[in-house]
Amino acid sequence: MSDVIASRLQETGVVAIIRGIDTSVIHPLVQALYDGGIRLVEVTLNTEGALEAIASLLSKFGDSMSVGAGTVLNEQQALAAKAHGAQFFVTPNVDRSVIHVGVEANIPVMAGALTPTEIYDAYSAGAQFVKVFPAGTMGARYIKEVRGPLANVPLMAVGGVTLENAGEFFDAGVLALGLGGSLVNKAAVERGDYDAIREMARSFVDLYRTHRG
């Protein structure tokens, strides 16, 4: 599983974050993301019906997309996400109990961290990827400077990343971006404008491929 996640991150450079979306429309939303080139989606556990949505998405898209659980805050949530088939965990912070569940089950963990100490702690505890959060607040220059001594840690940029600044983060050396509202636009979802979602997804994936050559 970890090889599949890593391969899809390298292919597309984007994880779509689904947070607070009515799960009754989650299938057409994810179809639009897929059509735009996205191959990894996370459903945050503070979304109503998140666990059932993860299982449902896996039943439809499991052969072509990786579906993970986001905002995993503790061991109990990690175990529940695992039971519903989540293929990766995303956390906003460094929680060793969540990382441990992932390591034991061979489920990749994208652990949230900010400082160099937190980033290294998450990686040394077994997180396969470390998401720098909130990346938009710190800026791409921060990522570049952190990668000086920690170049071996696969970093993601999450929080405040937009189409306008995404290229700066790719140039700073992040492996991928985690994109919420800048990709999964709630207004577009509410009006059923999945074409807009698909085109935005395509724009981010194309930008990644341009910056990665």
N, C-alpha and C. Protein backbone atom coordinates (compact mmCIF):
# COMPACT_ATOMS: atom_id res chain seq x y z
N MET A 1 0.83 -1.21 0.00
CA MET A 1 0.00 0.00 0.00
C MET A 1 0.85 1.25 0.00
N SER A 2 1.94 1.25 0.80
CA SER A 2 2.77 2.45 0.88
C SER A 2 3.40 2.78 -0.46
N ASP A 3 3.75 1.74 -1.24
CA ASP A 3 4.34 1.99 -2.56
C ASP A 3 3.32 2.62 -3.50
N VAL A 4 2.06 2.20 -3.39
CA VAL A 4 1.01 2.77 -4.24
C VAL A 4 0.80 4.25 -3.90
N ILE A 5 0.76 4.57 -2.61
CA ILE A 5 0.57 5.96 -2.19
C ILE A 5 1.73 6.81 -2.69
N ALA A 6 2.95 6.34 -2.49
CA ALA A 6 4.12 7.10 -2.92
C ALA A 6 4.12 7.29 -4.44
N SER A 7 3.75 6.25 -5.17
CA SER A 7 3.72 6.34 -6.63
C SER A 7 2.69 7.35 -7.10
N ARG A 8 1.52 7.35 -6.49
CA ARG A 8 0.48 8.28 -6.90
C ARG A 8 0.82 9.72 -6.50
N LEU A 9 1.51 9.89 -5.39
CA LEU A 9 1.97 11.23 -5.04
C LEU A 9 2.98 11.74 -6.06
N GLN A 10 3.88 10.86 -6.47
CA GLN A 10 4.88 11.27 -7.46
C GLN A 10 4.25 11.54 -8.81
N GLU A 11 3.16 10.84 -9.11
CA GLU A 11 2.49 11.01 -10.40
C GLU A 11 1.73 12.33 -10.48
N THR A 12 1.07 12.72 -9.38
CA THR A 12 0.13 13.85 -9.45
C THR A 12 0.50 15.03 -8.56
N GLY A 13 1.21 14.78 -7.45
CA GLY A 13 1.63 15.86 -6.57
C GLY A 13 0.53 16.52 -5.76
N VAL A 14 -0.64 15.89 -5.67
CA VAL A 14 -1.77 16.52 -4.99
C VAL A 14 -2.55 15.49 -4.18
N VAL A 15 -2.93 15.90 -2.97
CA VAL A 15 -3.93 15.17 -2.18
C VAL A 15 -5.12 16.12 -1.99
N ALA A 16 -6.28 15.70 -2.45
CA ALA A 16 -7.49 16.52 -2.29
C ALA A 16 -8.07 16.30 -0.90
N ILE A 17 -8.38 17.40 -0.22
CA ILE A 17 -8.91 17.33 1.14
C ILE A 17 -10.41 17.63 1.10
N ILE A 18 -11.21 16.64 1.50
CA ILE A 18 -12.66 16.80 1.54
C ILE A 18 -13.05 17.01 3.00
N ARG A 19 -13.49 18.22 3.30
CA ARG A 19 -13.83 18.58 4.68
C ARG A 19 -15.19 19.30 4.69
N GLY A 20 -16.10 18.81 5.53
CA GLY A 20 -17.37 19.50 5.72
C GLY A 20 -18.28 19.50 4.51
N ILE A 21 -18.08 18.55 3.61
CA ILE A 21 -18.91 18.43 2.42
C ILE A 21 -20.04 17.44 2.69
N ASP A 22 -21.23 17.73 2.22
CA ASP A 22 -22.35 16.80 2.36
C ASP A 22 -21.99 15.50 1.65
N THR A 23 -21.93 14.42 2.38
CA THR A 23 -21.47 13.17 1.79
C THR A 23 -22.44 12.60 0.76
N SER A 24 -23.64 13.16 0.65
CA SER A 24 -24.56 12.69 -0.37
C SER A 24 -24.07 13.04 -1.78
N VAL A 25 -23.15 14.00 -1.89
CA VAL A 25 -22.63 14.38 -3.21
C VAL A 25 -21.15 14.01 -3.36
N ILE A 26 -20.68 13.15 -2.47
CA ILE A 26 -19.24 12.89 -2.47
C ILE A 26 -18.81 12.08 -3.69
N HIS A 27 -19.67 11.23 -4.23
CA HIS A 27 -19.28 10.43 -5.40
C HIS A 27 -19.09 11.29 -6.64
N PRO A 28 -20.04 12.16 -7.00
CA PRO A 28 -19.77 13.01 -8.17
C PRO A 28 -18.60 13.97 -7.95
N LEU A 29 -18.40 14.40 -6.70
CA LEU A 29 -17.25 15.26 -6.40
C LEU A 29 -15.95 14.52 -6.67
N VAL A 30 -15.83 13.32 -6.15
CA VAL A 30 -14.59 12.57 -6.33
C VAL A 30 -14.41 12.16 -7.78
N GLN A 31 -15.51 11.91 -8.48
CA GLN A 31 -15.40 11.62 -9.91
C GLN A 31 -14.81 12.81 -10.66
N ALA A 32 -15.23 14.01 -10.29
CA ALA A 32 -14.69 15.22 -10.92
C ALA A 32 -13.20 15.37 -10.61
N LEU A 33 -12.82 15.08 -9.37
CA LEU A 33 -11.41 15.14 -9.00
C LEU A 33 -10.60 14.11 -9.79
N TYR A 34 -11.14 12.93 -9.92
CA TYR A 34 -10.46 11.88 -10.69
C TYR A 34 -10.30 12.30 -12.15
N ASP A 35 -11.37 12.82 -12.73
CA ASP A 35 -11.32 13.25 -14.12
C ASP A 35 -10.31 14.37 -14.34
N GLY A 36 -10.05 15.14 -13.28
CA GLY A 36 -9.05 16.20 -13.36
C GLY A 36 -7.64 15.75 -13.09
N GLY A 37 -7.46 14.45 -12.79
CA GLY A 37 -6.12 13.91 -12.61
C GLY A 37 -5.74 13.58 -11.19
N ILE A 38 -6.61 13.84 -10.21
CA ILE A 38 -6.30 13.55 -8.81
C ILE A 38 -6.39 12.05 -8.56
N ARG A 39 -5.46 11.53 -7.79
CA ARG A 39 -5.46 10.10 -7.49
C ARG A 39 -5.44 9.81 -5.99
N LEU A 40 -5.42 10.86 -5.17
CA LEU A 40 -5.49 10.67 -3.72
C LEU A 40 -6.46 11.67 -3.12
N VAL A 41 -7.38 11.17 -2.30
CA VAL A 41 -8.31 12.04 -1.59
C VAL A 41 -8.34 11.64 -0.12
N GLU A 42 -8.45 12.62 0.73
CA GLU A 42 -8.67 12.35 2.15
C GLU A 42 -10.01 12.94 2.56
N VAL A 43 -10.74 12.18 3.36
CA VAL A 43 -11.97 12.67 3.95
C VAL A 43 -11.67 12.92 5.42
N THR A 44 -11.80 14.15 5.87
CA THR A 44 -11.45 14.47 7.25
C THR A 44 -12.49 13.90 8.20
N LEU A 45 -12.03 13.42 9.34
CA LEU A 45 -12.92 12.76 10.27
C LEU A 45 -13.85 13.72 11.00
N ASN A 46 -13.63 15.03 10.85
CA ASN A 46 -14.61 15.98 11.41
C ASN A 46 -15.69 16.33 10.39
N THR A 47 -15.76 15.54 9.33
CA THR A 47 -16.86 15.63 8.37
C THR A 47 -17.92 14.61 8.78
N GLU A 48 -19.17 15.03 8.86
CA GLU A 48 -20.23 14.12 9.27
C GLU A 48 -20.32 12.94 8.31
N GLY A 49 -20.31 11.74 8.87
CA GLY A 49 -20.38 10.53 8.06
C GLY A 49 -19.08 10.18 7.36
N ALA A 50 -17.96 10.66 7.89
CA ALA A 50 -16.68 10.49 7.21
C ALA A 50 -16.29 9.02 7.02
N LEU A 51 -16.43 8.23 8.06
CA LEU A 51 -15.99 6.84 7.98
C LEU A 51 -16.80 6.05 6.94
N GLU A 52 -18.10 6.27 6.95
CA GLU A 52 -18.94 5.60 5.96
C GLU A 52 -18.61 6.09 4.55
N ALA A 53 -18.29 7.39 4.43
CA ALA A 53 -17.93 7.94 3.12
C ALA A 53 -16.64 7.31 2.61
N ILE A 54 -15.67 7.10 3.49
CA ILE A 54 -14.41 6.48 3.09
C ILE A 54 -14.68 5.08 2.54
N ALA A 55 -15.48 4.30 3.28
CA ALA A 55 -15.80 2.94 2.82
C ALA A 55 -16.54 2.96 1.49
N SER A 56 -17.45 3.91 1.33
CA SER A 56 -18.23 4.02 0.10
C SER A 56 -17.34 4.39 -1.08
N LEU A 57 -16.44 5.33 -0.86
CA LEU A 57 -15.54 5.74 -1.94
C LEU A 57 -14.62 4.60 -2.36
N LEU A 58 -14.17 3.83 -1.39
CA LEU A 58 -13.30 2.71 -1.72
C LEU A 58 -14.03 1.67 -2.55
N SER A 59 -15.32 1.48 -2.28
CA SER A 59 -16.09 0.50 -3.04
C SER A 59 -16.23 0.90 -4.50
N LYS A 60 -16.22 2.21 -4.76
CA LYS A 60 -16.38 2.69 -6.14
C LYS A 60 -15.07 3.03 -6.82
N PHE A 61 -14.15 3.64 -6.07
CA PHE A 61 -12.93 4.17 -6.69
C PHE A 61 -11.67 3.44 -6.24
N GLY A 62 -11.81 2.41 -5.45
CA GLY A 62 -10.64 1.79 -4.82
C GLY A 62 -9.60 1.25 -5.77
N ASP A 63 -10.00 0.90 -6.99
CA ASP A 63 -9.03 0.38 -7.96
C ASP A 63 -8.24 1.47 -8.64
N SER A 64 -8.75 2.70 -8.59
CA SER A 64 -8.11 3.77 -9.36
C SER A 64 -7.65 4.96 -8.51
N MET A 65 -8.10 5.03 -7.26
CA MET A 65 -7.73 6.13 -6.38
C MET A 65 -7.40 5.59 -4.99
N SER A 66 -6.59 6.36 -4.26
CA SER A 66 -6.31 6.05 -2.87
C SER A 66 -7.16 6.97 -2.00
N VAL A 67 -7.82 6.38 -1.01
CA VAL A 67 -8.74 7.12 -0.15
C VAL A 67 -8.25 7.02 1.29
N GLY A 68 -8.02 8.18 1.91
CA GLY A 68 -7.50 8.19 3.26
C GLY A 68 -8.39 8.95 4.22
N ALA A 69 -8.03 8.86 5.49
CA ALA A 69 -8.73 9.58 6.56
C ALA A 69 -7.88 10.76 7.00
N GLY A 70 -8.49 11.94 7.06
CA GLY A 70 -7.79 13.13 7.50
C GLY A 70 -8.23 13.57 8.89
N THR A 71 -7.46 14.49 9.48
CA THR A 71 -7.72 14.99 10.82
C THR A 71 -7.86 13.83 11.81
N VAL A 72 -6.94 12.89 11.72
CA VAL A 72 -6.90 11.76 12.64
C VAL A 72 -6.14 12.22 13.88
N LEU A 73 -6.84 12.30 15.00
CA LEU A 73 -6.29 12.97 16.19
C LEU A 73 -5.76 12.01 17.25
N ASN A 74 -6.19 10.75 17.22
CA ASN A 74 -5.80 9.85 18.31
C ASN A 74 -5.86 8.39 17.83
N GLU A 75 -5.42 7.51 18.70
CA GLU A 75 -5.35 6.09 18.34
C GLU A 75 -6.73 5.52 18.03
N GLN A 76 -7.75 5.93 18.79
CA GLN A 76 -9.09 5.40 18.57
C GLN A 76 -9.61 5.76 17.18
N GLN A 77 -9.38 7.00 16.77
CA GLN A 77 -9.80 7.40 15.43
C GLN A 77 -9.01 6.65 14.36
N ALA A 78 -7.73 6.46 14.59
CA ALA A 78 -6.91 5.72 13.63
C ALA A 78 -7.41 4.29 13.47
N LEU A 79 -7.76 3.65 14.56
CA LEU A 79 -8.26 2.27 14.49
C LEU A 79 -9.60 2.22 13.78
N ALA A 80 -10.46 3.22 14.03
CA ALA A 80 -11.76 3.25 13.36
C ALA A 80 -11.58 3.47 11.87
N ALA A 81 -10.66 4.36 11.50
CA ALA A 81 -10.39 4.62 10.08
C ALA A 81 -9.83 3.37 9.41
N LYS A 82 -8.95 2.69 10.10
CA LYS A 82 -8.39 1.43 9.58
C LYS A 82 -9.51 0.42 9.35
N ALA A 83 -10.43 0.31 10.30
CA ALA A 83 -11.53 -0.66 10.19
C ALA A 83 -12.43 -0.37 9.00
N HIS A 84 -12.50 0.90 8.60
CA HIS A 84 -13.33 1.28 7.46
C HIS A 84 -12.54 1.30 6.14
N GLY A 85 -11.29 0.85 6.21
CA GLY A 85 -10.52 0.66 4.99
C GLY A 85 -9.62 1.81 4.58
N ALA A 86 -9.49 2.85 5.41
CA ALA A 86 -8.66 4.00 5.03
C ALA A 86 -7.27 3.54 4.61
N GLN A 87 -6.80 4.06 3.49
CA GLN A 87 -5.53 3.62 2.93
C GLN A 87 -4.36 4.49 3.34
N PHE A 88 -4.62 5.62 3.95
CA PHE A 88 -3.58 6.43 4.57
C PHE A 88 -4.23 7.32 5.61
N PHE A 89 -3.42 7.77 6.57
CA PHE A 89 -3.88 8.68 7.61
C PHE A 89 -3.20 10.03 7.43
N VAL A 90 -3.94 11.09 7.71
CA VAL A 90 -3.37 12.44 7.72
C VAL A 90 -3.70 13.06 9.06
N THR A 91 -2.70 13.64 9.70
CA THR A 91 -2.90 14.26 11.01
C THR A 91 -2.52 15.74 10.94
N PRO A 92 -3.09 16.56 11.84
CA PRO A 92 -2.68 17.96 11.89
C PRO A 92 -1.48 18.18 12.80
N ASN A 93 -1.08 17.13 13.51
CA ASN A 93 -0.03 17.27 14.52
C ASN A 93 0.75 15.95 14.59
N VAL A 94 1.75 15.94 15.46
CA VAL A 94 2.54 14.73 15.65
C VAL A 94 1.94 13.94 16.81
N ASP A 95 1.27 12.86 16.49
CA ASP A 95 0.72 11.97 17.51
C ASP A 95 1.30 10.58 17.28
N ARG A 96 2.18 10.18 18.18
CA ARG A 96 2.89 8.92 17.98
C ARG A 96 1.96 7.71 18.00
N SER A 97 0.84 7.80 18.70
CA SER A 97 -0.08 6.65 18.73
C SER A 97 -0.72 6.43 17.37
N VAL A 98 -1.04 7.50 16.67
CA VAL A 98 -1.59 7.38 15.32
C VAL A 98 -0.53 6.82 14.37
N ILE A 99 0.68 7.36 14.47
CA ILE A 99 1.76 6.87 13.62
C ILE A 99 2.01 5.38 13.88
N HIS A 100 1.93 4.98 15.14
CA HIS A 100 2.17 3.58 15.50
C HIS A 100 1.12 2.68 14.85
N VAL A 101 -0.15 3.09 14.89
CA VAL A 101 -1.20 2.29 14.24
C VAL A 101 -0.89 2.14 12.75
N GLY A 102 -0.49 3.23 12.12
CA GLY A 102 -0.15 3.18 10.71
C GLY A 102 1.01 2.25 10.42
N VAL A 103 2.07 2.35 11.21
CA VAL A 103 3.25 1.51 11.00
C VAL A 103 2.90 0.04 11.16
N GLU A 104 2.14 -0.27 12.21
CA GLU A 104 1.78 -1.67 12.48
C GLU A 104 0.91 -2.25 11.37
N ALA A 105 0.06 -1.42 10.76
CA ALA A 105 -0.87 -1.89 9.74
C ALA A 105 -0.36 -1.64 8.32
N ASN A 106 0.85 -1.13 8.18
CA ASN A 106 1.41 -0.75 6.87
C ASN A 106 0.50 0.25 6.16
N ILE A 107 -0.02 1.19 6.93
CA ILE A 107 -0.83 2.28 6.39
C ILE A 107 0.01 3.56 6.46
N PRO A 108 0.34 4.18 5.34
CA PRO A 108 1.17 5.39 5.36
C PRO A 108 0.51 6.51 6.17
N VAL A 109 1.33 7.22 6.91
CA VAL A 109 0.87 8.36 7.70
C VAL A 109 1.52 9.63 7.17
N MET A 110 0.67 10.63 6.93
CA MET A 110 1.13 11.97 6.57
C MET A 110 0.92 12.83 7.81
N ALA A 111 1.95 12.96 8.60
CA ALA A 111 1.83 13.59 9.92
C ALA A 111 2.07 15.09 9.82
N GLY A 112 1.20 15.86 10.46
CA GLY A 112 1.34 17.30 10.46
C GLY A 112 2.41 17.77 11.44
N ALA A 113 3.22 18.72 11.00
CA ALA A 113 4.29 19.27 11.84
C ALA A 113 4.64 20.65 11.32
N LEU A 114 5.34 21.42 12.13
CA LEU A 114 5.73 22.76 11.70
C LEU A 114 7.21 23.03 11.91
N THR A 115 7.69 22.84 13.12
CA THR A 115 9.08 23.17 13.41
C THR A 115 10.01 22.05 12.95
N PRO A 116 11.31 22.35 12.78
CA PRO A 116 12.25 21.28 12.43
C PRO A 116 12.22 20.12 13.41
N THR A 117 12.07 20.42 14.70
CA THR A 117 12.02 19.36 15.70
C THR A 117 10.80 18.47 15.48
N GLU A 118 9.63 19.08 15.26
CA GLU A 118 8.42 18.30 15.03
C GLU A 118 8.52 17.48 13.74
N ILE A 119 9.07 18.09 12.71
CA ILE A 119 9.21 17.39 11.43
C ILE A 119 10.08 16.16 11.60
N TYR A 120 11.21 16.32 12.27
CA TYR A 120 12.11 15.18 12.45
C TYR A 120 11.50 14.14 13.37
N ASP A 121 10.82 14.58 14.42
CA ASP A 121 10.17 13.64 15.35
C ASP A 121 9.13 12.78 14.62
N ALA A 122 8.32 13.42 13.78
CA ALA A 122 7.29 12.68 13.04
C ALA A 122 7.91 11.65 12.12
N TYR A 123 8.94 12.05 11.42
CA TYR A 123 9.59 11.15 10.46
C TYR A 123 10.29 10.00 11.19
N SER A 124 10.99 10.31 12.26
CA SER A 124 11.71 9.27 12.99
C SER A 124 10.76 8.32 13.69
N ALA A 125 9.53 8.77 13.99
CA ALA A 125 8.54 7.90 14.62
C ALA A 125 7.90 6.94 13.62
N GLY A 126 8.09 7.20 12.33
CA GLY A 126 7.58 6.28 11.32
C GLY A 126 6.63 6.88 10.32
N ALA A 127 6.34 8.18 10.43
CA ALA A 127 5.49 8.81 9.41
C ALA A 127 6.22 8.75 8.06
N GLN A 128 5.53 8.27 7.04
CA GLN A 128 6.18 8.14 5.74
C GLN A 128 6.34 9.49 5.06
N PHE A 129 5.40 10.40 5.36
CA PHE A 129 5.44 11.76 4.81
C PHE A 129 5.15 12.73 5.96
N VAL A 130 5.70 13.92 5.86
CA VAL A 130 5.42 14.95 6.86
C VAL A 130 4.82 16.15 6.16
N LYS A 131 3.63 16.54 6.62
CA LYS A 131 2.98 17.71 6.03
C LYS A 131 3.31 18.92 6.88
N VAL A 132 3.88 19.91 6.24
CA VAL A 132 4.17 21.16 6.93
C VAL A 132 2.88 21.98 6.96
N PHE A 133 2.41 22.23 8.17
CA PHE A 133 1.11 22.87 8.35
C PHE A 133 1.19 23.88 9.48
N PRO A 134 0.70 25.11 9.26
CA PRO A 134 0.13 25.67 8.03
C PRO A 134 1.21 26.27 7.12
N ALA A 135 1.36 25.67 5.95
CA ALA A 135 2.44 26.06 5.04
C ALA A 135 2.26 27.47 4.50
N GLY A 136 1.02 27.85 4.20
CA GLY A 136 0.78 29.16 3.62
C GLY A 136 1.19 30.29 4.54
N THR A 137 1.04 30.07 5.84
CA THR A 137 1.43 31.08 6.81
C THR A 137 2.94 31.26 6.84
N MET A 138 3.67 30.15 6.73
CA MET A 138 5.13 30.20 6.81
C MET A 138 5.77 30.59 5.48
N GLY A 139 5.17 30.17 4.39
CA GLY A 139 5.70 30.51 3.07
C GLY A 139 6.68 29.49 2.53
N ALA A 140 6.89 29.54 1.22
CA ALA A 140 7.75 28.57 0.55
C ALA A 140 9.21 28.71 0.99
N ARG A 141 9.64 29.92 1.34
CA ARG A 141 11.03 30.09 1.77
C ARG A 141 11.32 29.29 3.03
N TYR A 142 10.32 29.20 3.91
CA TYR A 142 10.50 28.41 5.13
C TYR A 142 10.75 26.94 4.77
N ILE A 143 9.96 26.42 3.83
CA ILE A 143 10.13 25.04 3.38
C ILE A 143 11.55 24.83 2.86
N LYS A 144 12.00 25.75 2.02
CA LYS A 144 13.33 25.63 1.42
C LYS A 144 14.41 25.60 2.49
N GLU A 145 14.28 26.44 3.52
CA GLU A 145 15.29 26.49 4.57
C GLU A 145 15.26 25.24 5.44
N VAL A 146 14.05 24.74 5.72
CA VAL A 146 13.94 23.52 6.52
C VAL A 146 14.55 22.32 5.79
N ARG A 147 14.40 22.30 4.48
CA ARG A 147 14.92 21.18 3.70
C ARG A 147 16.45 21.16 3.65
N GLY A 148 17.08 22.25 4.04
CA GLY A 148 18.53 22.25 4.10
C GLY A 148 19.06 21.10 4.95
N PRO A 149 18.73 21.10 6.25
CA PRO A 149 19.20 20.00 7.10
C PRO A 149 18.32 18.75 7.05
N LEU A 150 17.11 18.86 6.51
CA LEU A 150 16.17 17.73 6.54
C LEU A 150 15.76 17.31 5.13
N ALA A 151 16.71 17.32 4.22
CA ALA A 151 16.41 17.05 2.82
C ALA A 151 15.92 15.62 2.59
N ASN A 152 16.20 14.72 3.54
CA ASN A 152 15.78 13.33 3.37
C ASN A 152 14.33 13.09 3.77
N VAL A 153 13.68 14.09 4.37
CA VAL A 153 12.30 13.93 4.83
C VAL A 153 11.34 14.34 3.71
N PRO A 154 10.46 13.45 3.26
CA PRO A 154 9.48 13.81 2.21
C PRO A 154 8.44 14.76 2.78
N LEU A 155 8.45 16.01 2.31
CA LEU A 155 7.57 17.03 2.86
C LEU A 155 6.40 17.32 1.93
N MET A 156 5.26 17.62 2.55
CA MET A 156 4.09 18.11 1.85
C MET A 156 3.75 19.49 2.39
N ALA A 157 3.16 20.32 1.57
CA ALA A 157 2.72 21.64 2.01
C ALA A 157 1.19 21.64 2.08
N VAL A 158 0.67 22.01 3.24
CA VAL A 158 -0.78 21.99 3.46
C VAL A 158 -1.18 23.23 4.25
N GLY A 159 -2.29 23.82 3.85
CA GLY A 159 -2.80 24.99 4.57
C GLY A 159 -2.42 26.28 3.88
N GLY A 160 -3.40 26.92 3.25
CA GLY A 160 -3.12 28.19 2.60
C GLY A 160 -2.41 28.09 1.28
N VAL A 161 -2.42 26.91 0.65
CA VAL A 161 -1.79 26.74 -0.65
C VAL A 161 -2.84 26.98 -1.73
N THR A 162 -2.49 27.81 -2.70
CA THR A 162 -3.41 28.18 -3.78
C THR A 162 -2.73 27.93 -5.12
N LEU A 163 -3.49 28.09 -6.18
CA LEU A 163 -2.91 27.93 -7.51
C LEU A 163 -1.84 29.00 -7.76
N GLU A 164 -1.99 30.15 -7.12
CA GLU A 164 -1.04 31.25 -7.31
C GLU A 164 0.30 31.00 -6.63
N ASN A 165 0.31 30.31 -5.49
CA ASN A 165 1.58 30.10 -4.80
C ASN A 165 2.07 28.66 -4.84
N ALA A 166 1.31 27.76 -5.45
CA ALA A 166 1.67 26.34 -5.45
C ALA A 166 3.03 26.11 -6.10
N GLY A 167 3.32 26.81 -7.19
CA GLY A 167 4.59 26.62 -7.87
C GLY A 167 5.78 26.93 -6.98
N GLU A 168 5.63 27.91 -6.10
CA GLU A 168 6.71 28.27 -5.18
C GLU A 168 7.02 27.11 -4.24
N PHE A 169 5.98 26.42 -3.80
CA PHE A 169 6.19 25.29 -2.89
C PHE A 169 6.83 24.11 -3.62
N PHE A 170 6.41 23.86 -4.85
CA PHE A 170 7.06 22.80 -5.62
C PHE A 170 8.53 23.14 -5.84
N ASP A 171 8.82 24.39 -6.16
CA ASP A 171 10.21 24.80 -6.38
C ASP A 171 11.03 24.71 -5.09
N ALA A 172 10.36 24.86 -3.95
CA ALA A 172 11.06 24.76 -2.66
C ALA A 172 11.37 23.32 -2.29
N GLY A 173 10.77 22.38 -3.01
CA GLY A 173 11.14 20.98 -2.82
C GLY A 173 10.11 20.09 -2.17
N VAL A 174 8.86 20.54 -2.03
CA VAL A 174 7.88 19.64 -1.44
C VAL A 174 7.54 18.52 -2.42
N LEU A 175 7.20 17.38 -1.87
CA LEU A 175 6.81 16.24 -2.69
C LEU A 175 5.41 16.44 -3.26
N ALA A 176 4.53 17.05 -2.44
CA ALA A 176 3.13 17.17 -2.85
C ALA A 176 2.46 18.27 -2.06
N LEU A 177 1.23 18.58 -2.48
CA LEU A 177 0.39 19.56 -1.80
C LEU A 177 -0.87 18.88 -1.28
N GLY A 178 -1.34 19.32 -0.12
CA GLY A 178 -2.67 18.95 0.35
C GLY A 178 -3.57 20.16 0.13
N LEU A 179 -4.65 19.96 -0.63
CA LEU A 179 -5.48 21.09 -1.05
C LEU A 179 -6.92 20.91 -0.59
N GLY A 180 -7.39 21.88 0.19
CA GLY A 180 -8.77 21.89 0.64
C GLY A 180 -9.61 22.83 -0.19
N GLY A 181 -9.94 23.98 0.40
CA GLY A 181 -10.86 24.91 -0.24
C GLY A 181 -10.39 25.46 -1.57
N SER A 182 -9.09 25.51 -1.78
CA SER A 182 -8.60 26.03 -3.06
C SER A 182 -8.84 25.06 -4.21
N LEU A 183 -9.16 23.82 -3.88
CA LEU A 183 -9.48 22.80 -4.88
C LEU A 183 -10.92 22.33 -4.73
N VAL A 184 -11.27 21.89 -3.53
CA VAL A 184 -12.63 21.41 -3.26
C VAL A 184 -13.45 22.59 -2.78
N ASN A 185 -13.83 23.42 -3.72
CA ASN A 185 -14.53 24.66 -3.42
C ASN A 185 -15.99 24.36 -3.03
N LYS A 186 -16.36 24.74 -1.80
CA LYS A 186 -17.69 24.39 -1.30
C LYS A 186 -18.80 25.04 -2.12
N ALA A 187 -18.59 26.27 -2.56
CA ALA A 187 -19.62 26.95 -3.34
C ALA A 187 -19.86 26.22 -4.65
N ALA A 188 -18.77 25.77 -5.29
CA ALA A 188 -18.92 25.02 -6.54
C ALA A 188 -19.64 23.70 -6.30
N VAL A 189 -19.31 23.04 -5.19
CA VAL A 189 -19.97 21.78 -4.86
C VAL A 189 -21.46 22.00 -4.62
N GLU A 190 -21.79 23.05 -3.87
CA GLU A 190 -23.19 23.32 -3.53
C GLU A 190 -24.04 23.63 -4.76
N ARG A 191 -23.44 24.25 -5.77
CA ARG A 191 -24.22 24.53 -6.98
C ARG A 191 -24.07 23.44 -8.03
N GLY A 192 -23.36 22.37 -7.68
CA GLY A 192 -23.21 21.24 -8.58
C GLY A 192 -22.30 21.50 -9.76
N ASP A 193 -21.38 22.43 -9.61
CA ASP A 193 -20.47 22.80 -10.71
C ASP A 193 -19.22 21.92 -10.65
N TYR A 194 -19.40 20.68 -11.02
CA TYR A 194 -18.27 19.75 -10.96
C TYR A 194 -17.27 19.98 -12.09
N ASP A 195 -17.72 20.65 -13.14
CA ASP A 195 -16.77 21.02 -14.21
C ASP A 195 -15.69 21.94 -13.66
N ALA A 196 -16.09 22.87 -12.79
CA ALA A 196 -15.12 23.80 -12.20
C ALA A 196 -14.13 23.05 -11.31
N ILE A 197 -14.63 22.08 -10.56
CA ILE A 197 -13.76 21.27 -9.71
C ILE A 197 -12.77 20.49 -10.57
N ARG A 198 -13.27 19.89 -11.64
CA ARG A 198 -12.41 19.10 -12.53
C ARG A 198 -11.31 19.97 -13.15
N GLU A 199 -11.68 21.15 -13.59
CA GLU A 199 -10.70 22.02 -14.24
C GLU A 199 -9.66 22.54 -13.25
N MET A 200 -10.09 22.82 -12.02
CA MET A 200 -9.13 23.26 -11.02
C MET A 200 -8.17 22.12 -10.68
N ALA A 201 -8.70 20.92 -10.56
CA ALA A 201 -7.83 19.76 -10.31
C ALA A 201 -6.80 19.62 -11.42
N ARG A 202 -7.25 19.74 -12.64
CA ARG A 202 -6.34 19.62 -13.79
C ARG A 202 -5.27 20.71 -13.76
N SER A 203 -5.66 21.90 -13.34
CA SER A 203 -4.69 23.01 -13.28
C SER A 203 -3.59 22.72 -12.27
N PHE A 204 -3.96 22.19 -11.10
CA PHE A 204 -2.96 21.89 -10.08
C PHE A 204 -2.04 20.75 -10.54
N VAL A 205 -2.62 19.71 -11.10
CA VAL A 205 -1.81 18.57 -11.55
C VAL A 205 -0.87 19.00 -12.68
N ASP A 206 -1.38 19.78 -13.60
CA ASP A 206 -0.53 20.27 -14.70
C ASP A 206 0.60 21.15 -14.17
N LEU A 207 0.29 21.98 -13.18
CA LEU A 207 1.33 22.83 -12.58
C LEU A 207 2.42 21.98 -11.95
N TYR A 208 2.01 20.95 -11.23
CA TYR A 208 2.99 20.04 -10.61
C TYR A 208 3.90 19.43 -11.67
N ARG A 209 3.30 18.94 -12.74
CA ARG A 209 4.09 18.25 -13.76
C ARG A 209 5.02 19.21 -14.49
N THR A 210 4.58 20.46 -14.63
CA THR A 210 5.43 21.48 -15.24
C THR A 210 6.66 21.73 -14.37
N HIS A 211 6.43 21.87 -13.06
CA HIS A 211 7.55 22.18 -12.16
C HIS A 211 8.45 20.97 -11.91
N ARG A 212 7.90 19.78 -12.15
CA ARG A 212 8.73 18.57 -11.99
C ARG A 212 9.34 18.12 -13.31
N GLY A 213 9.02 18.85 -14.40
CA GLY A 213 9.59 18.52 -15.69
C GLY A 213 9.03 17.24 -16.28
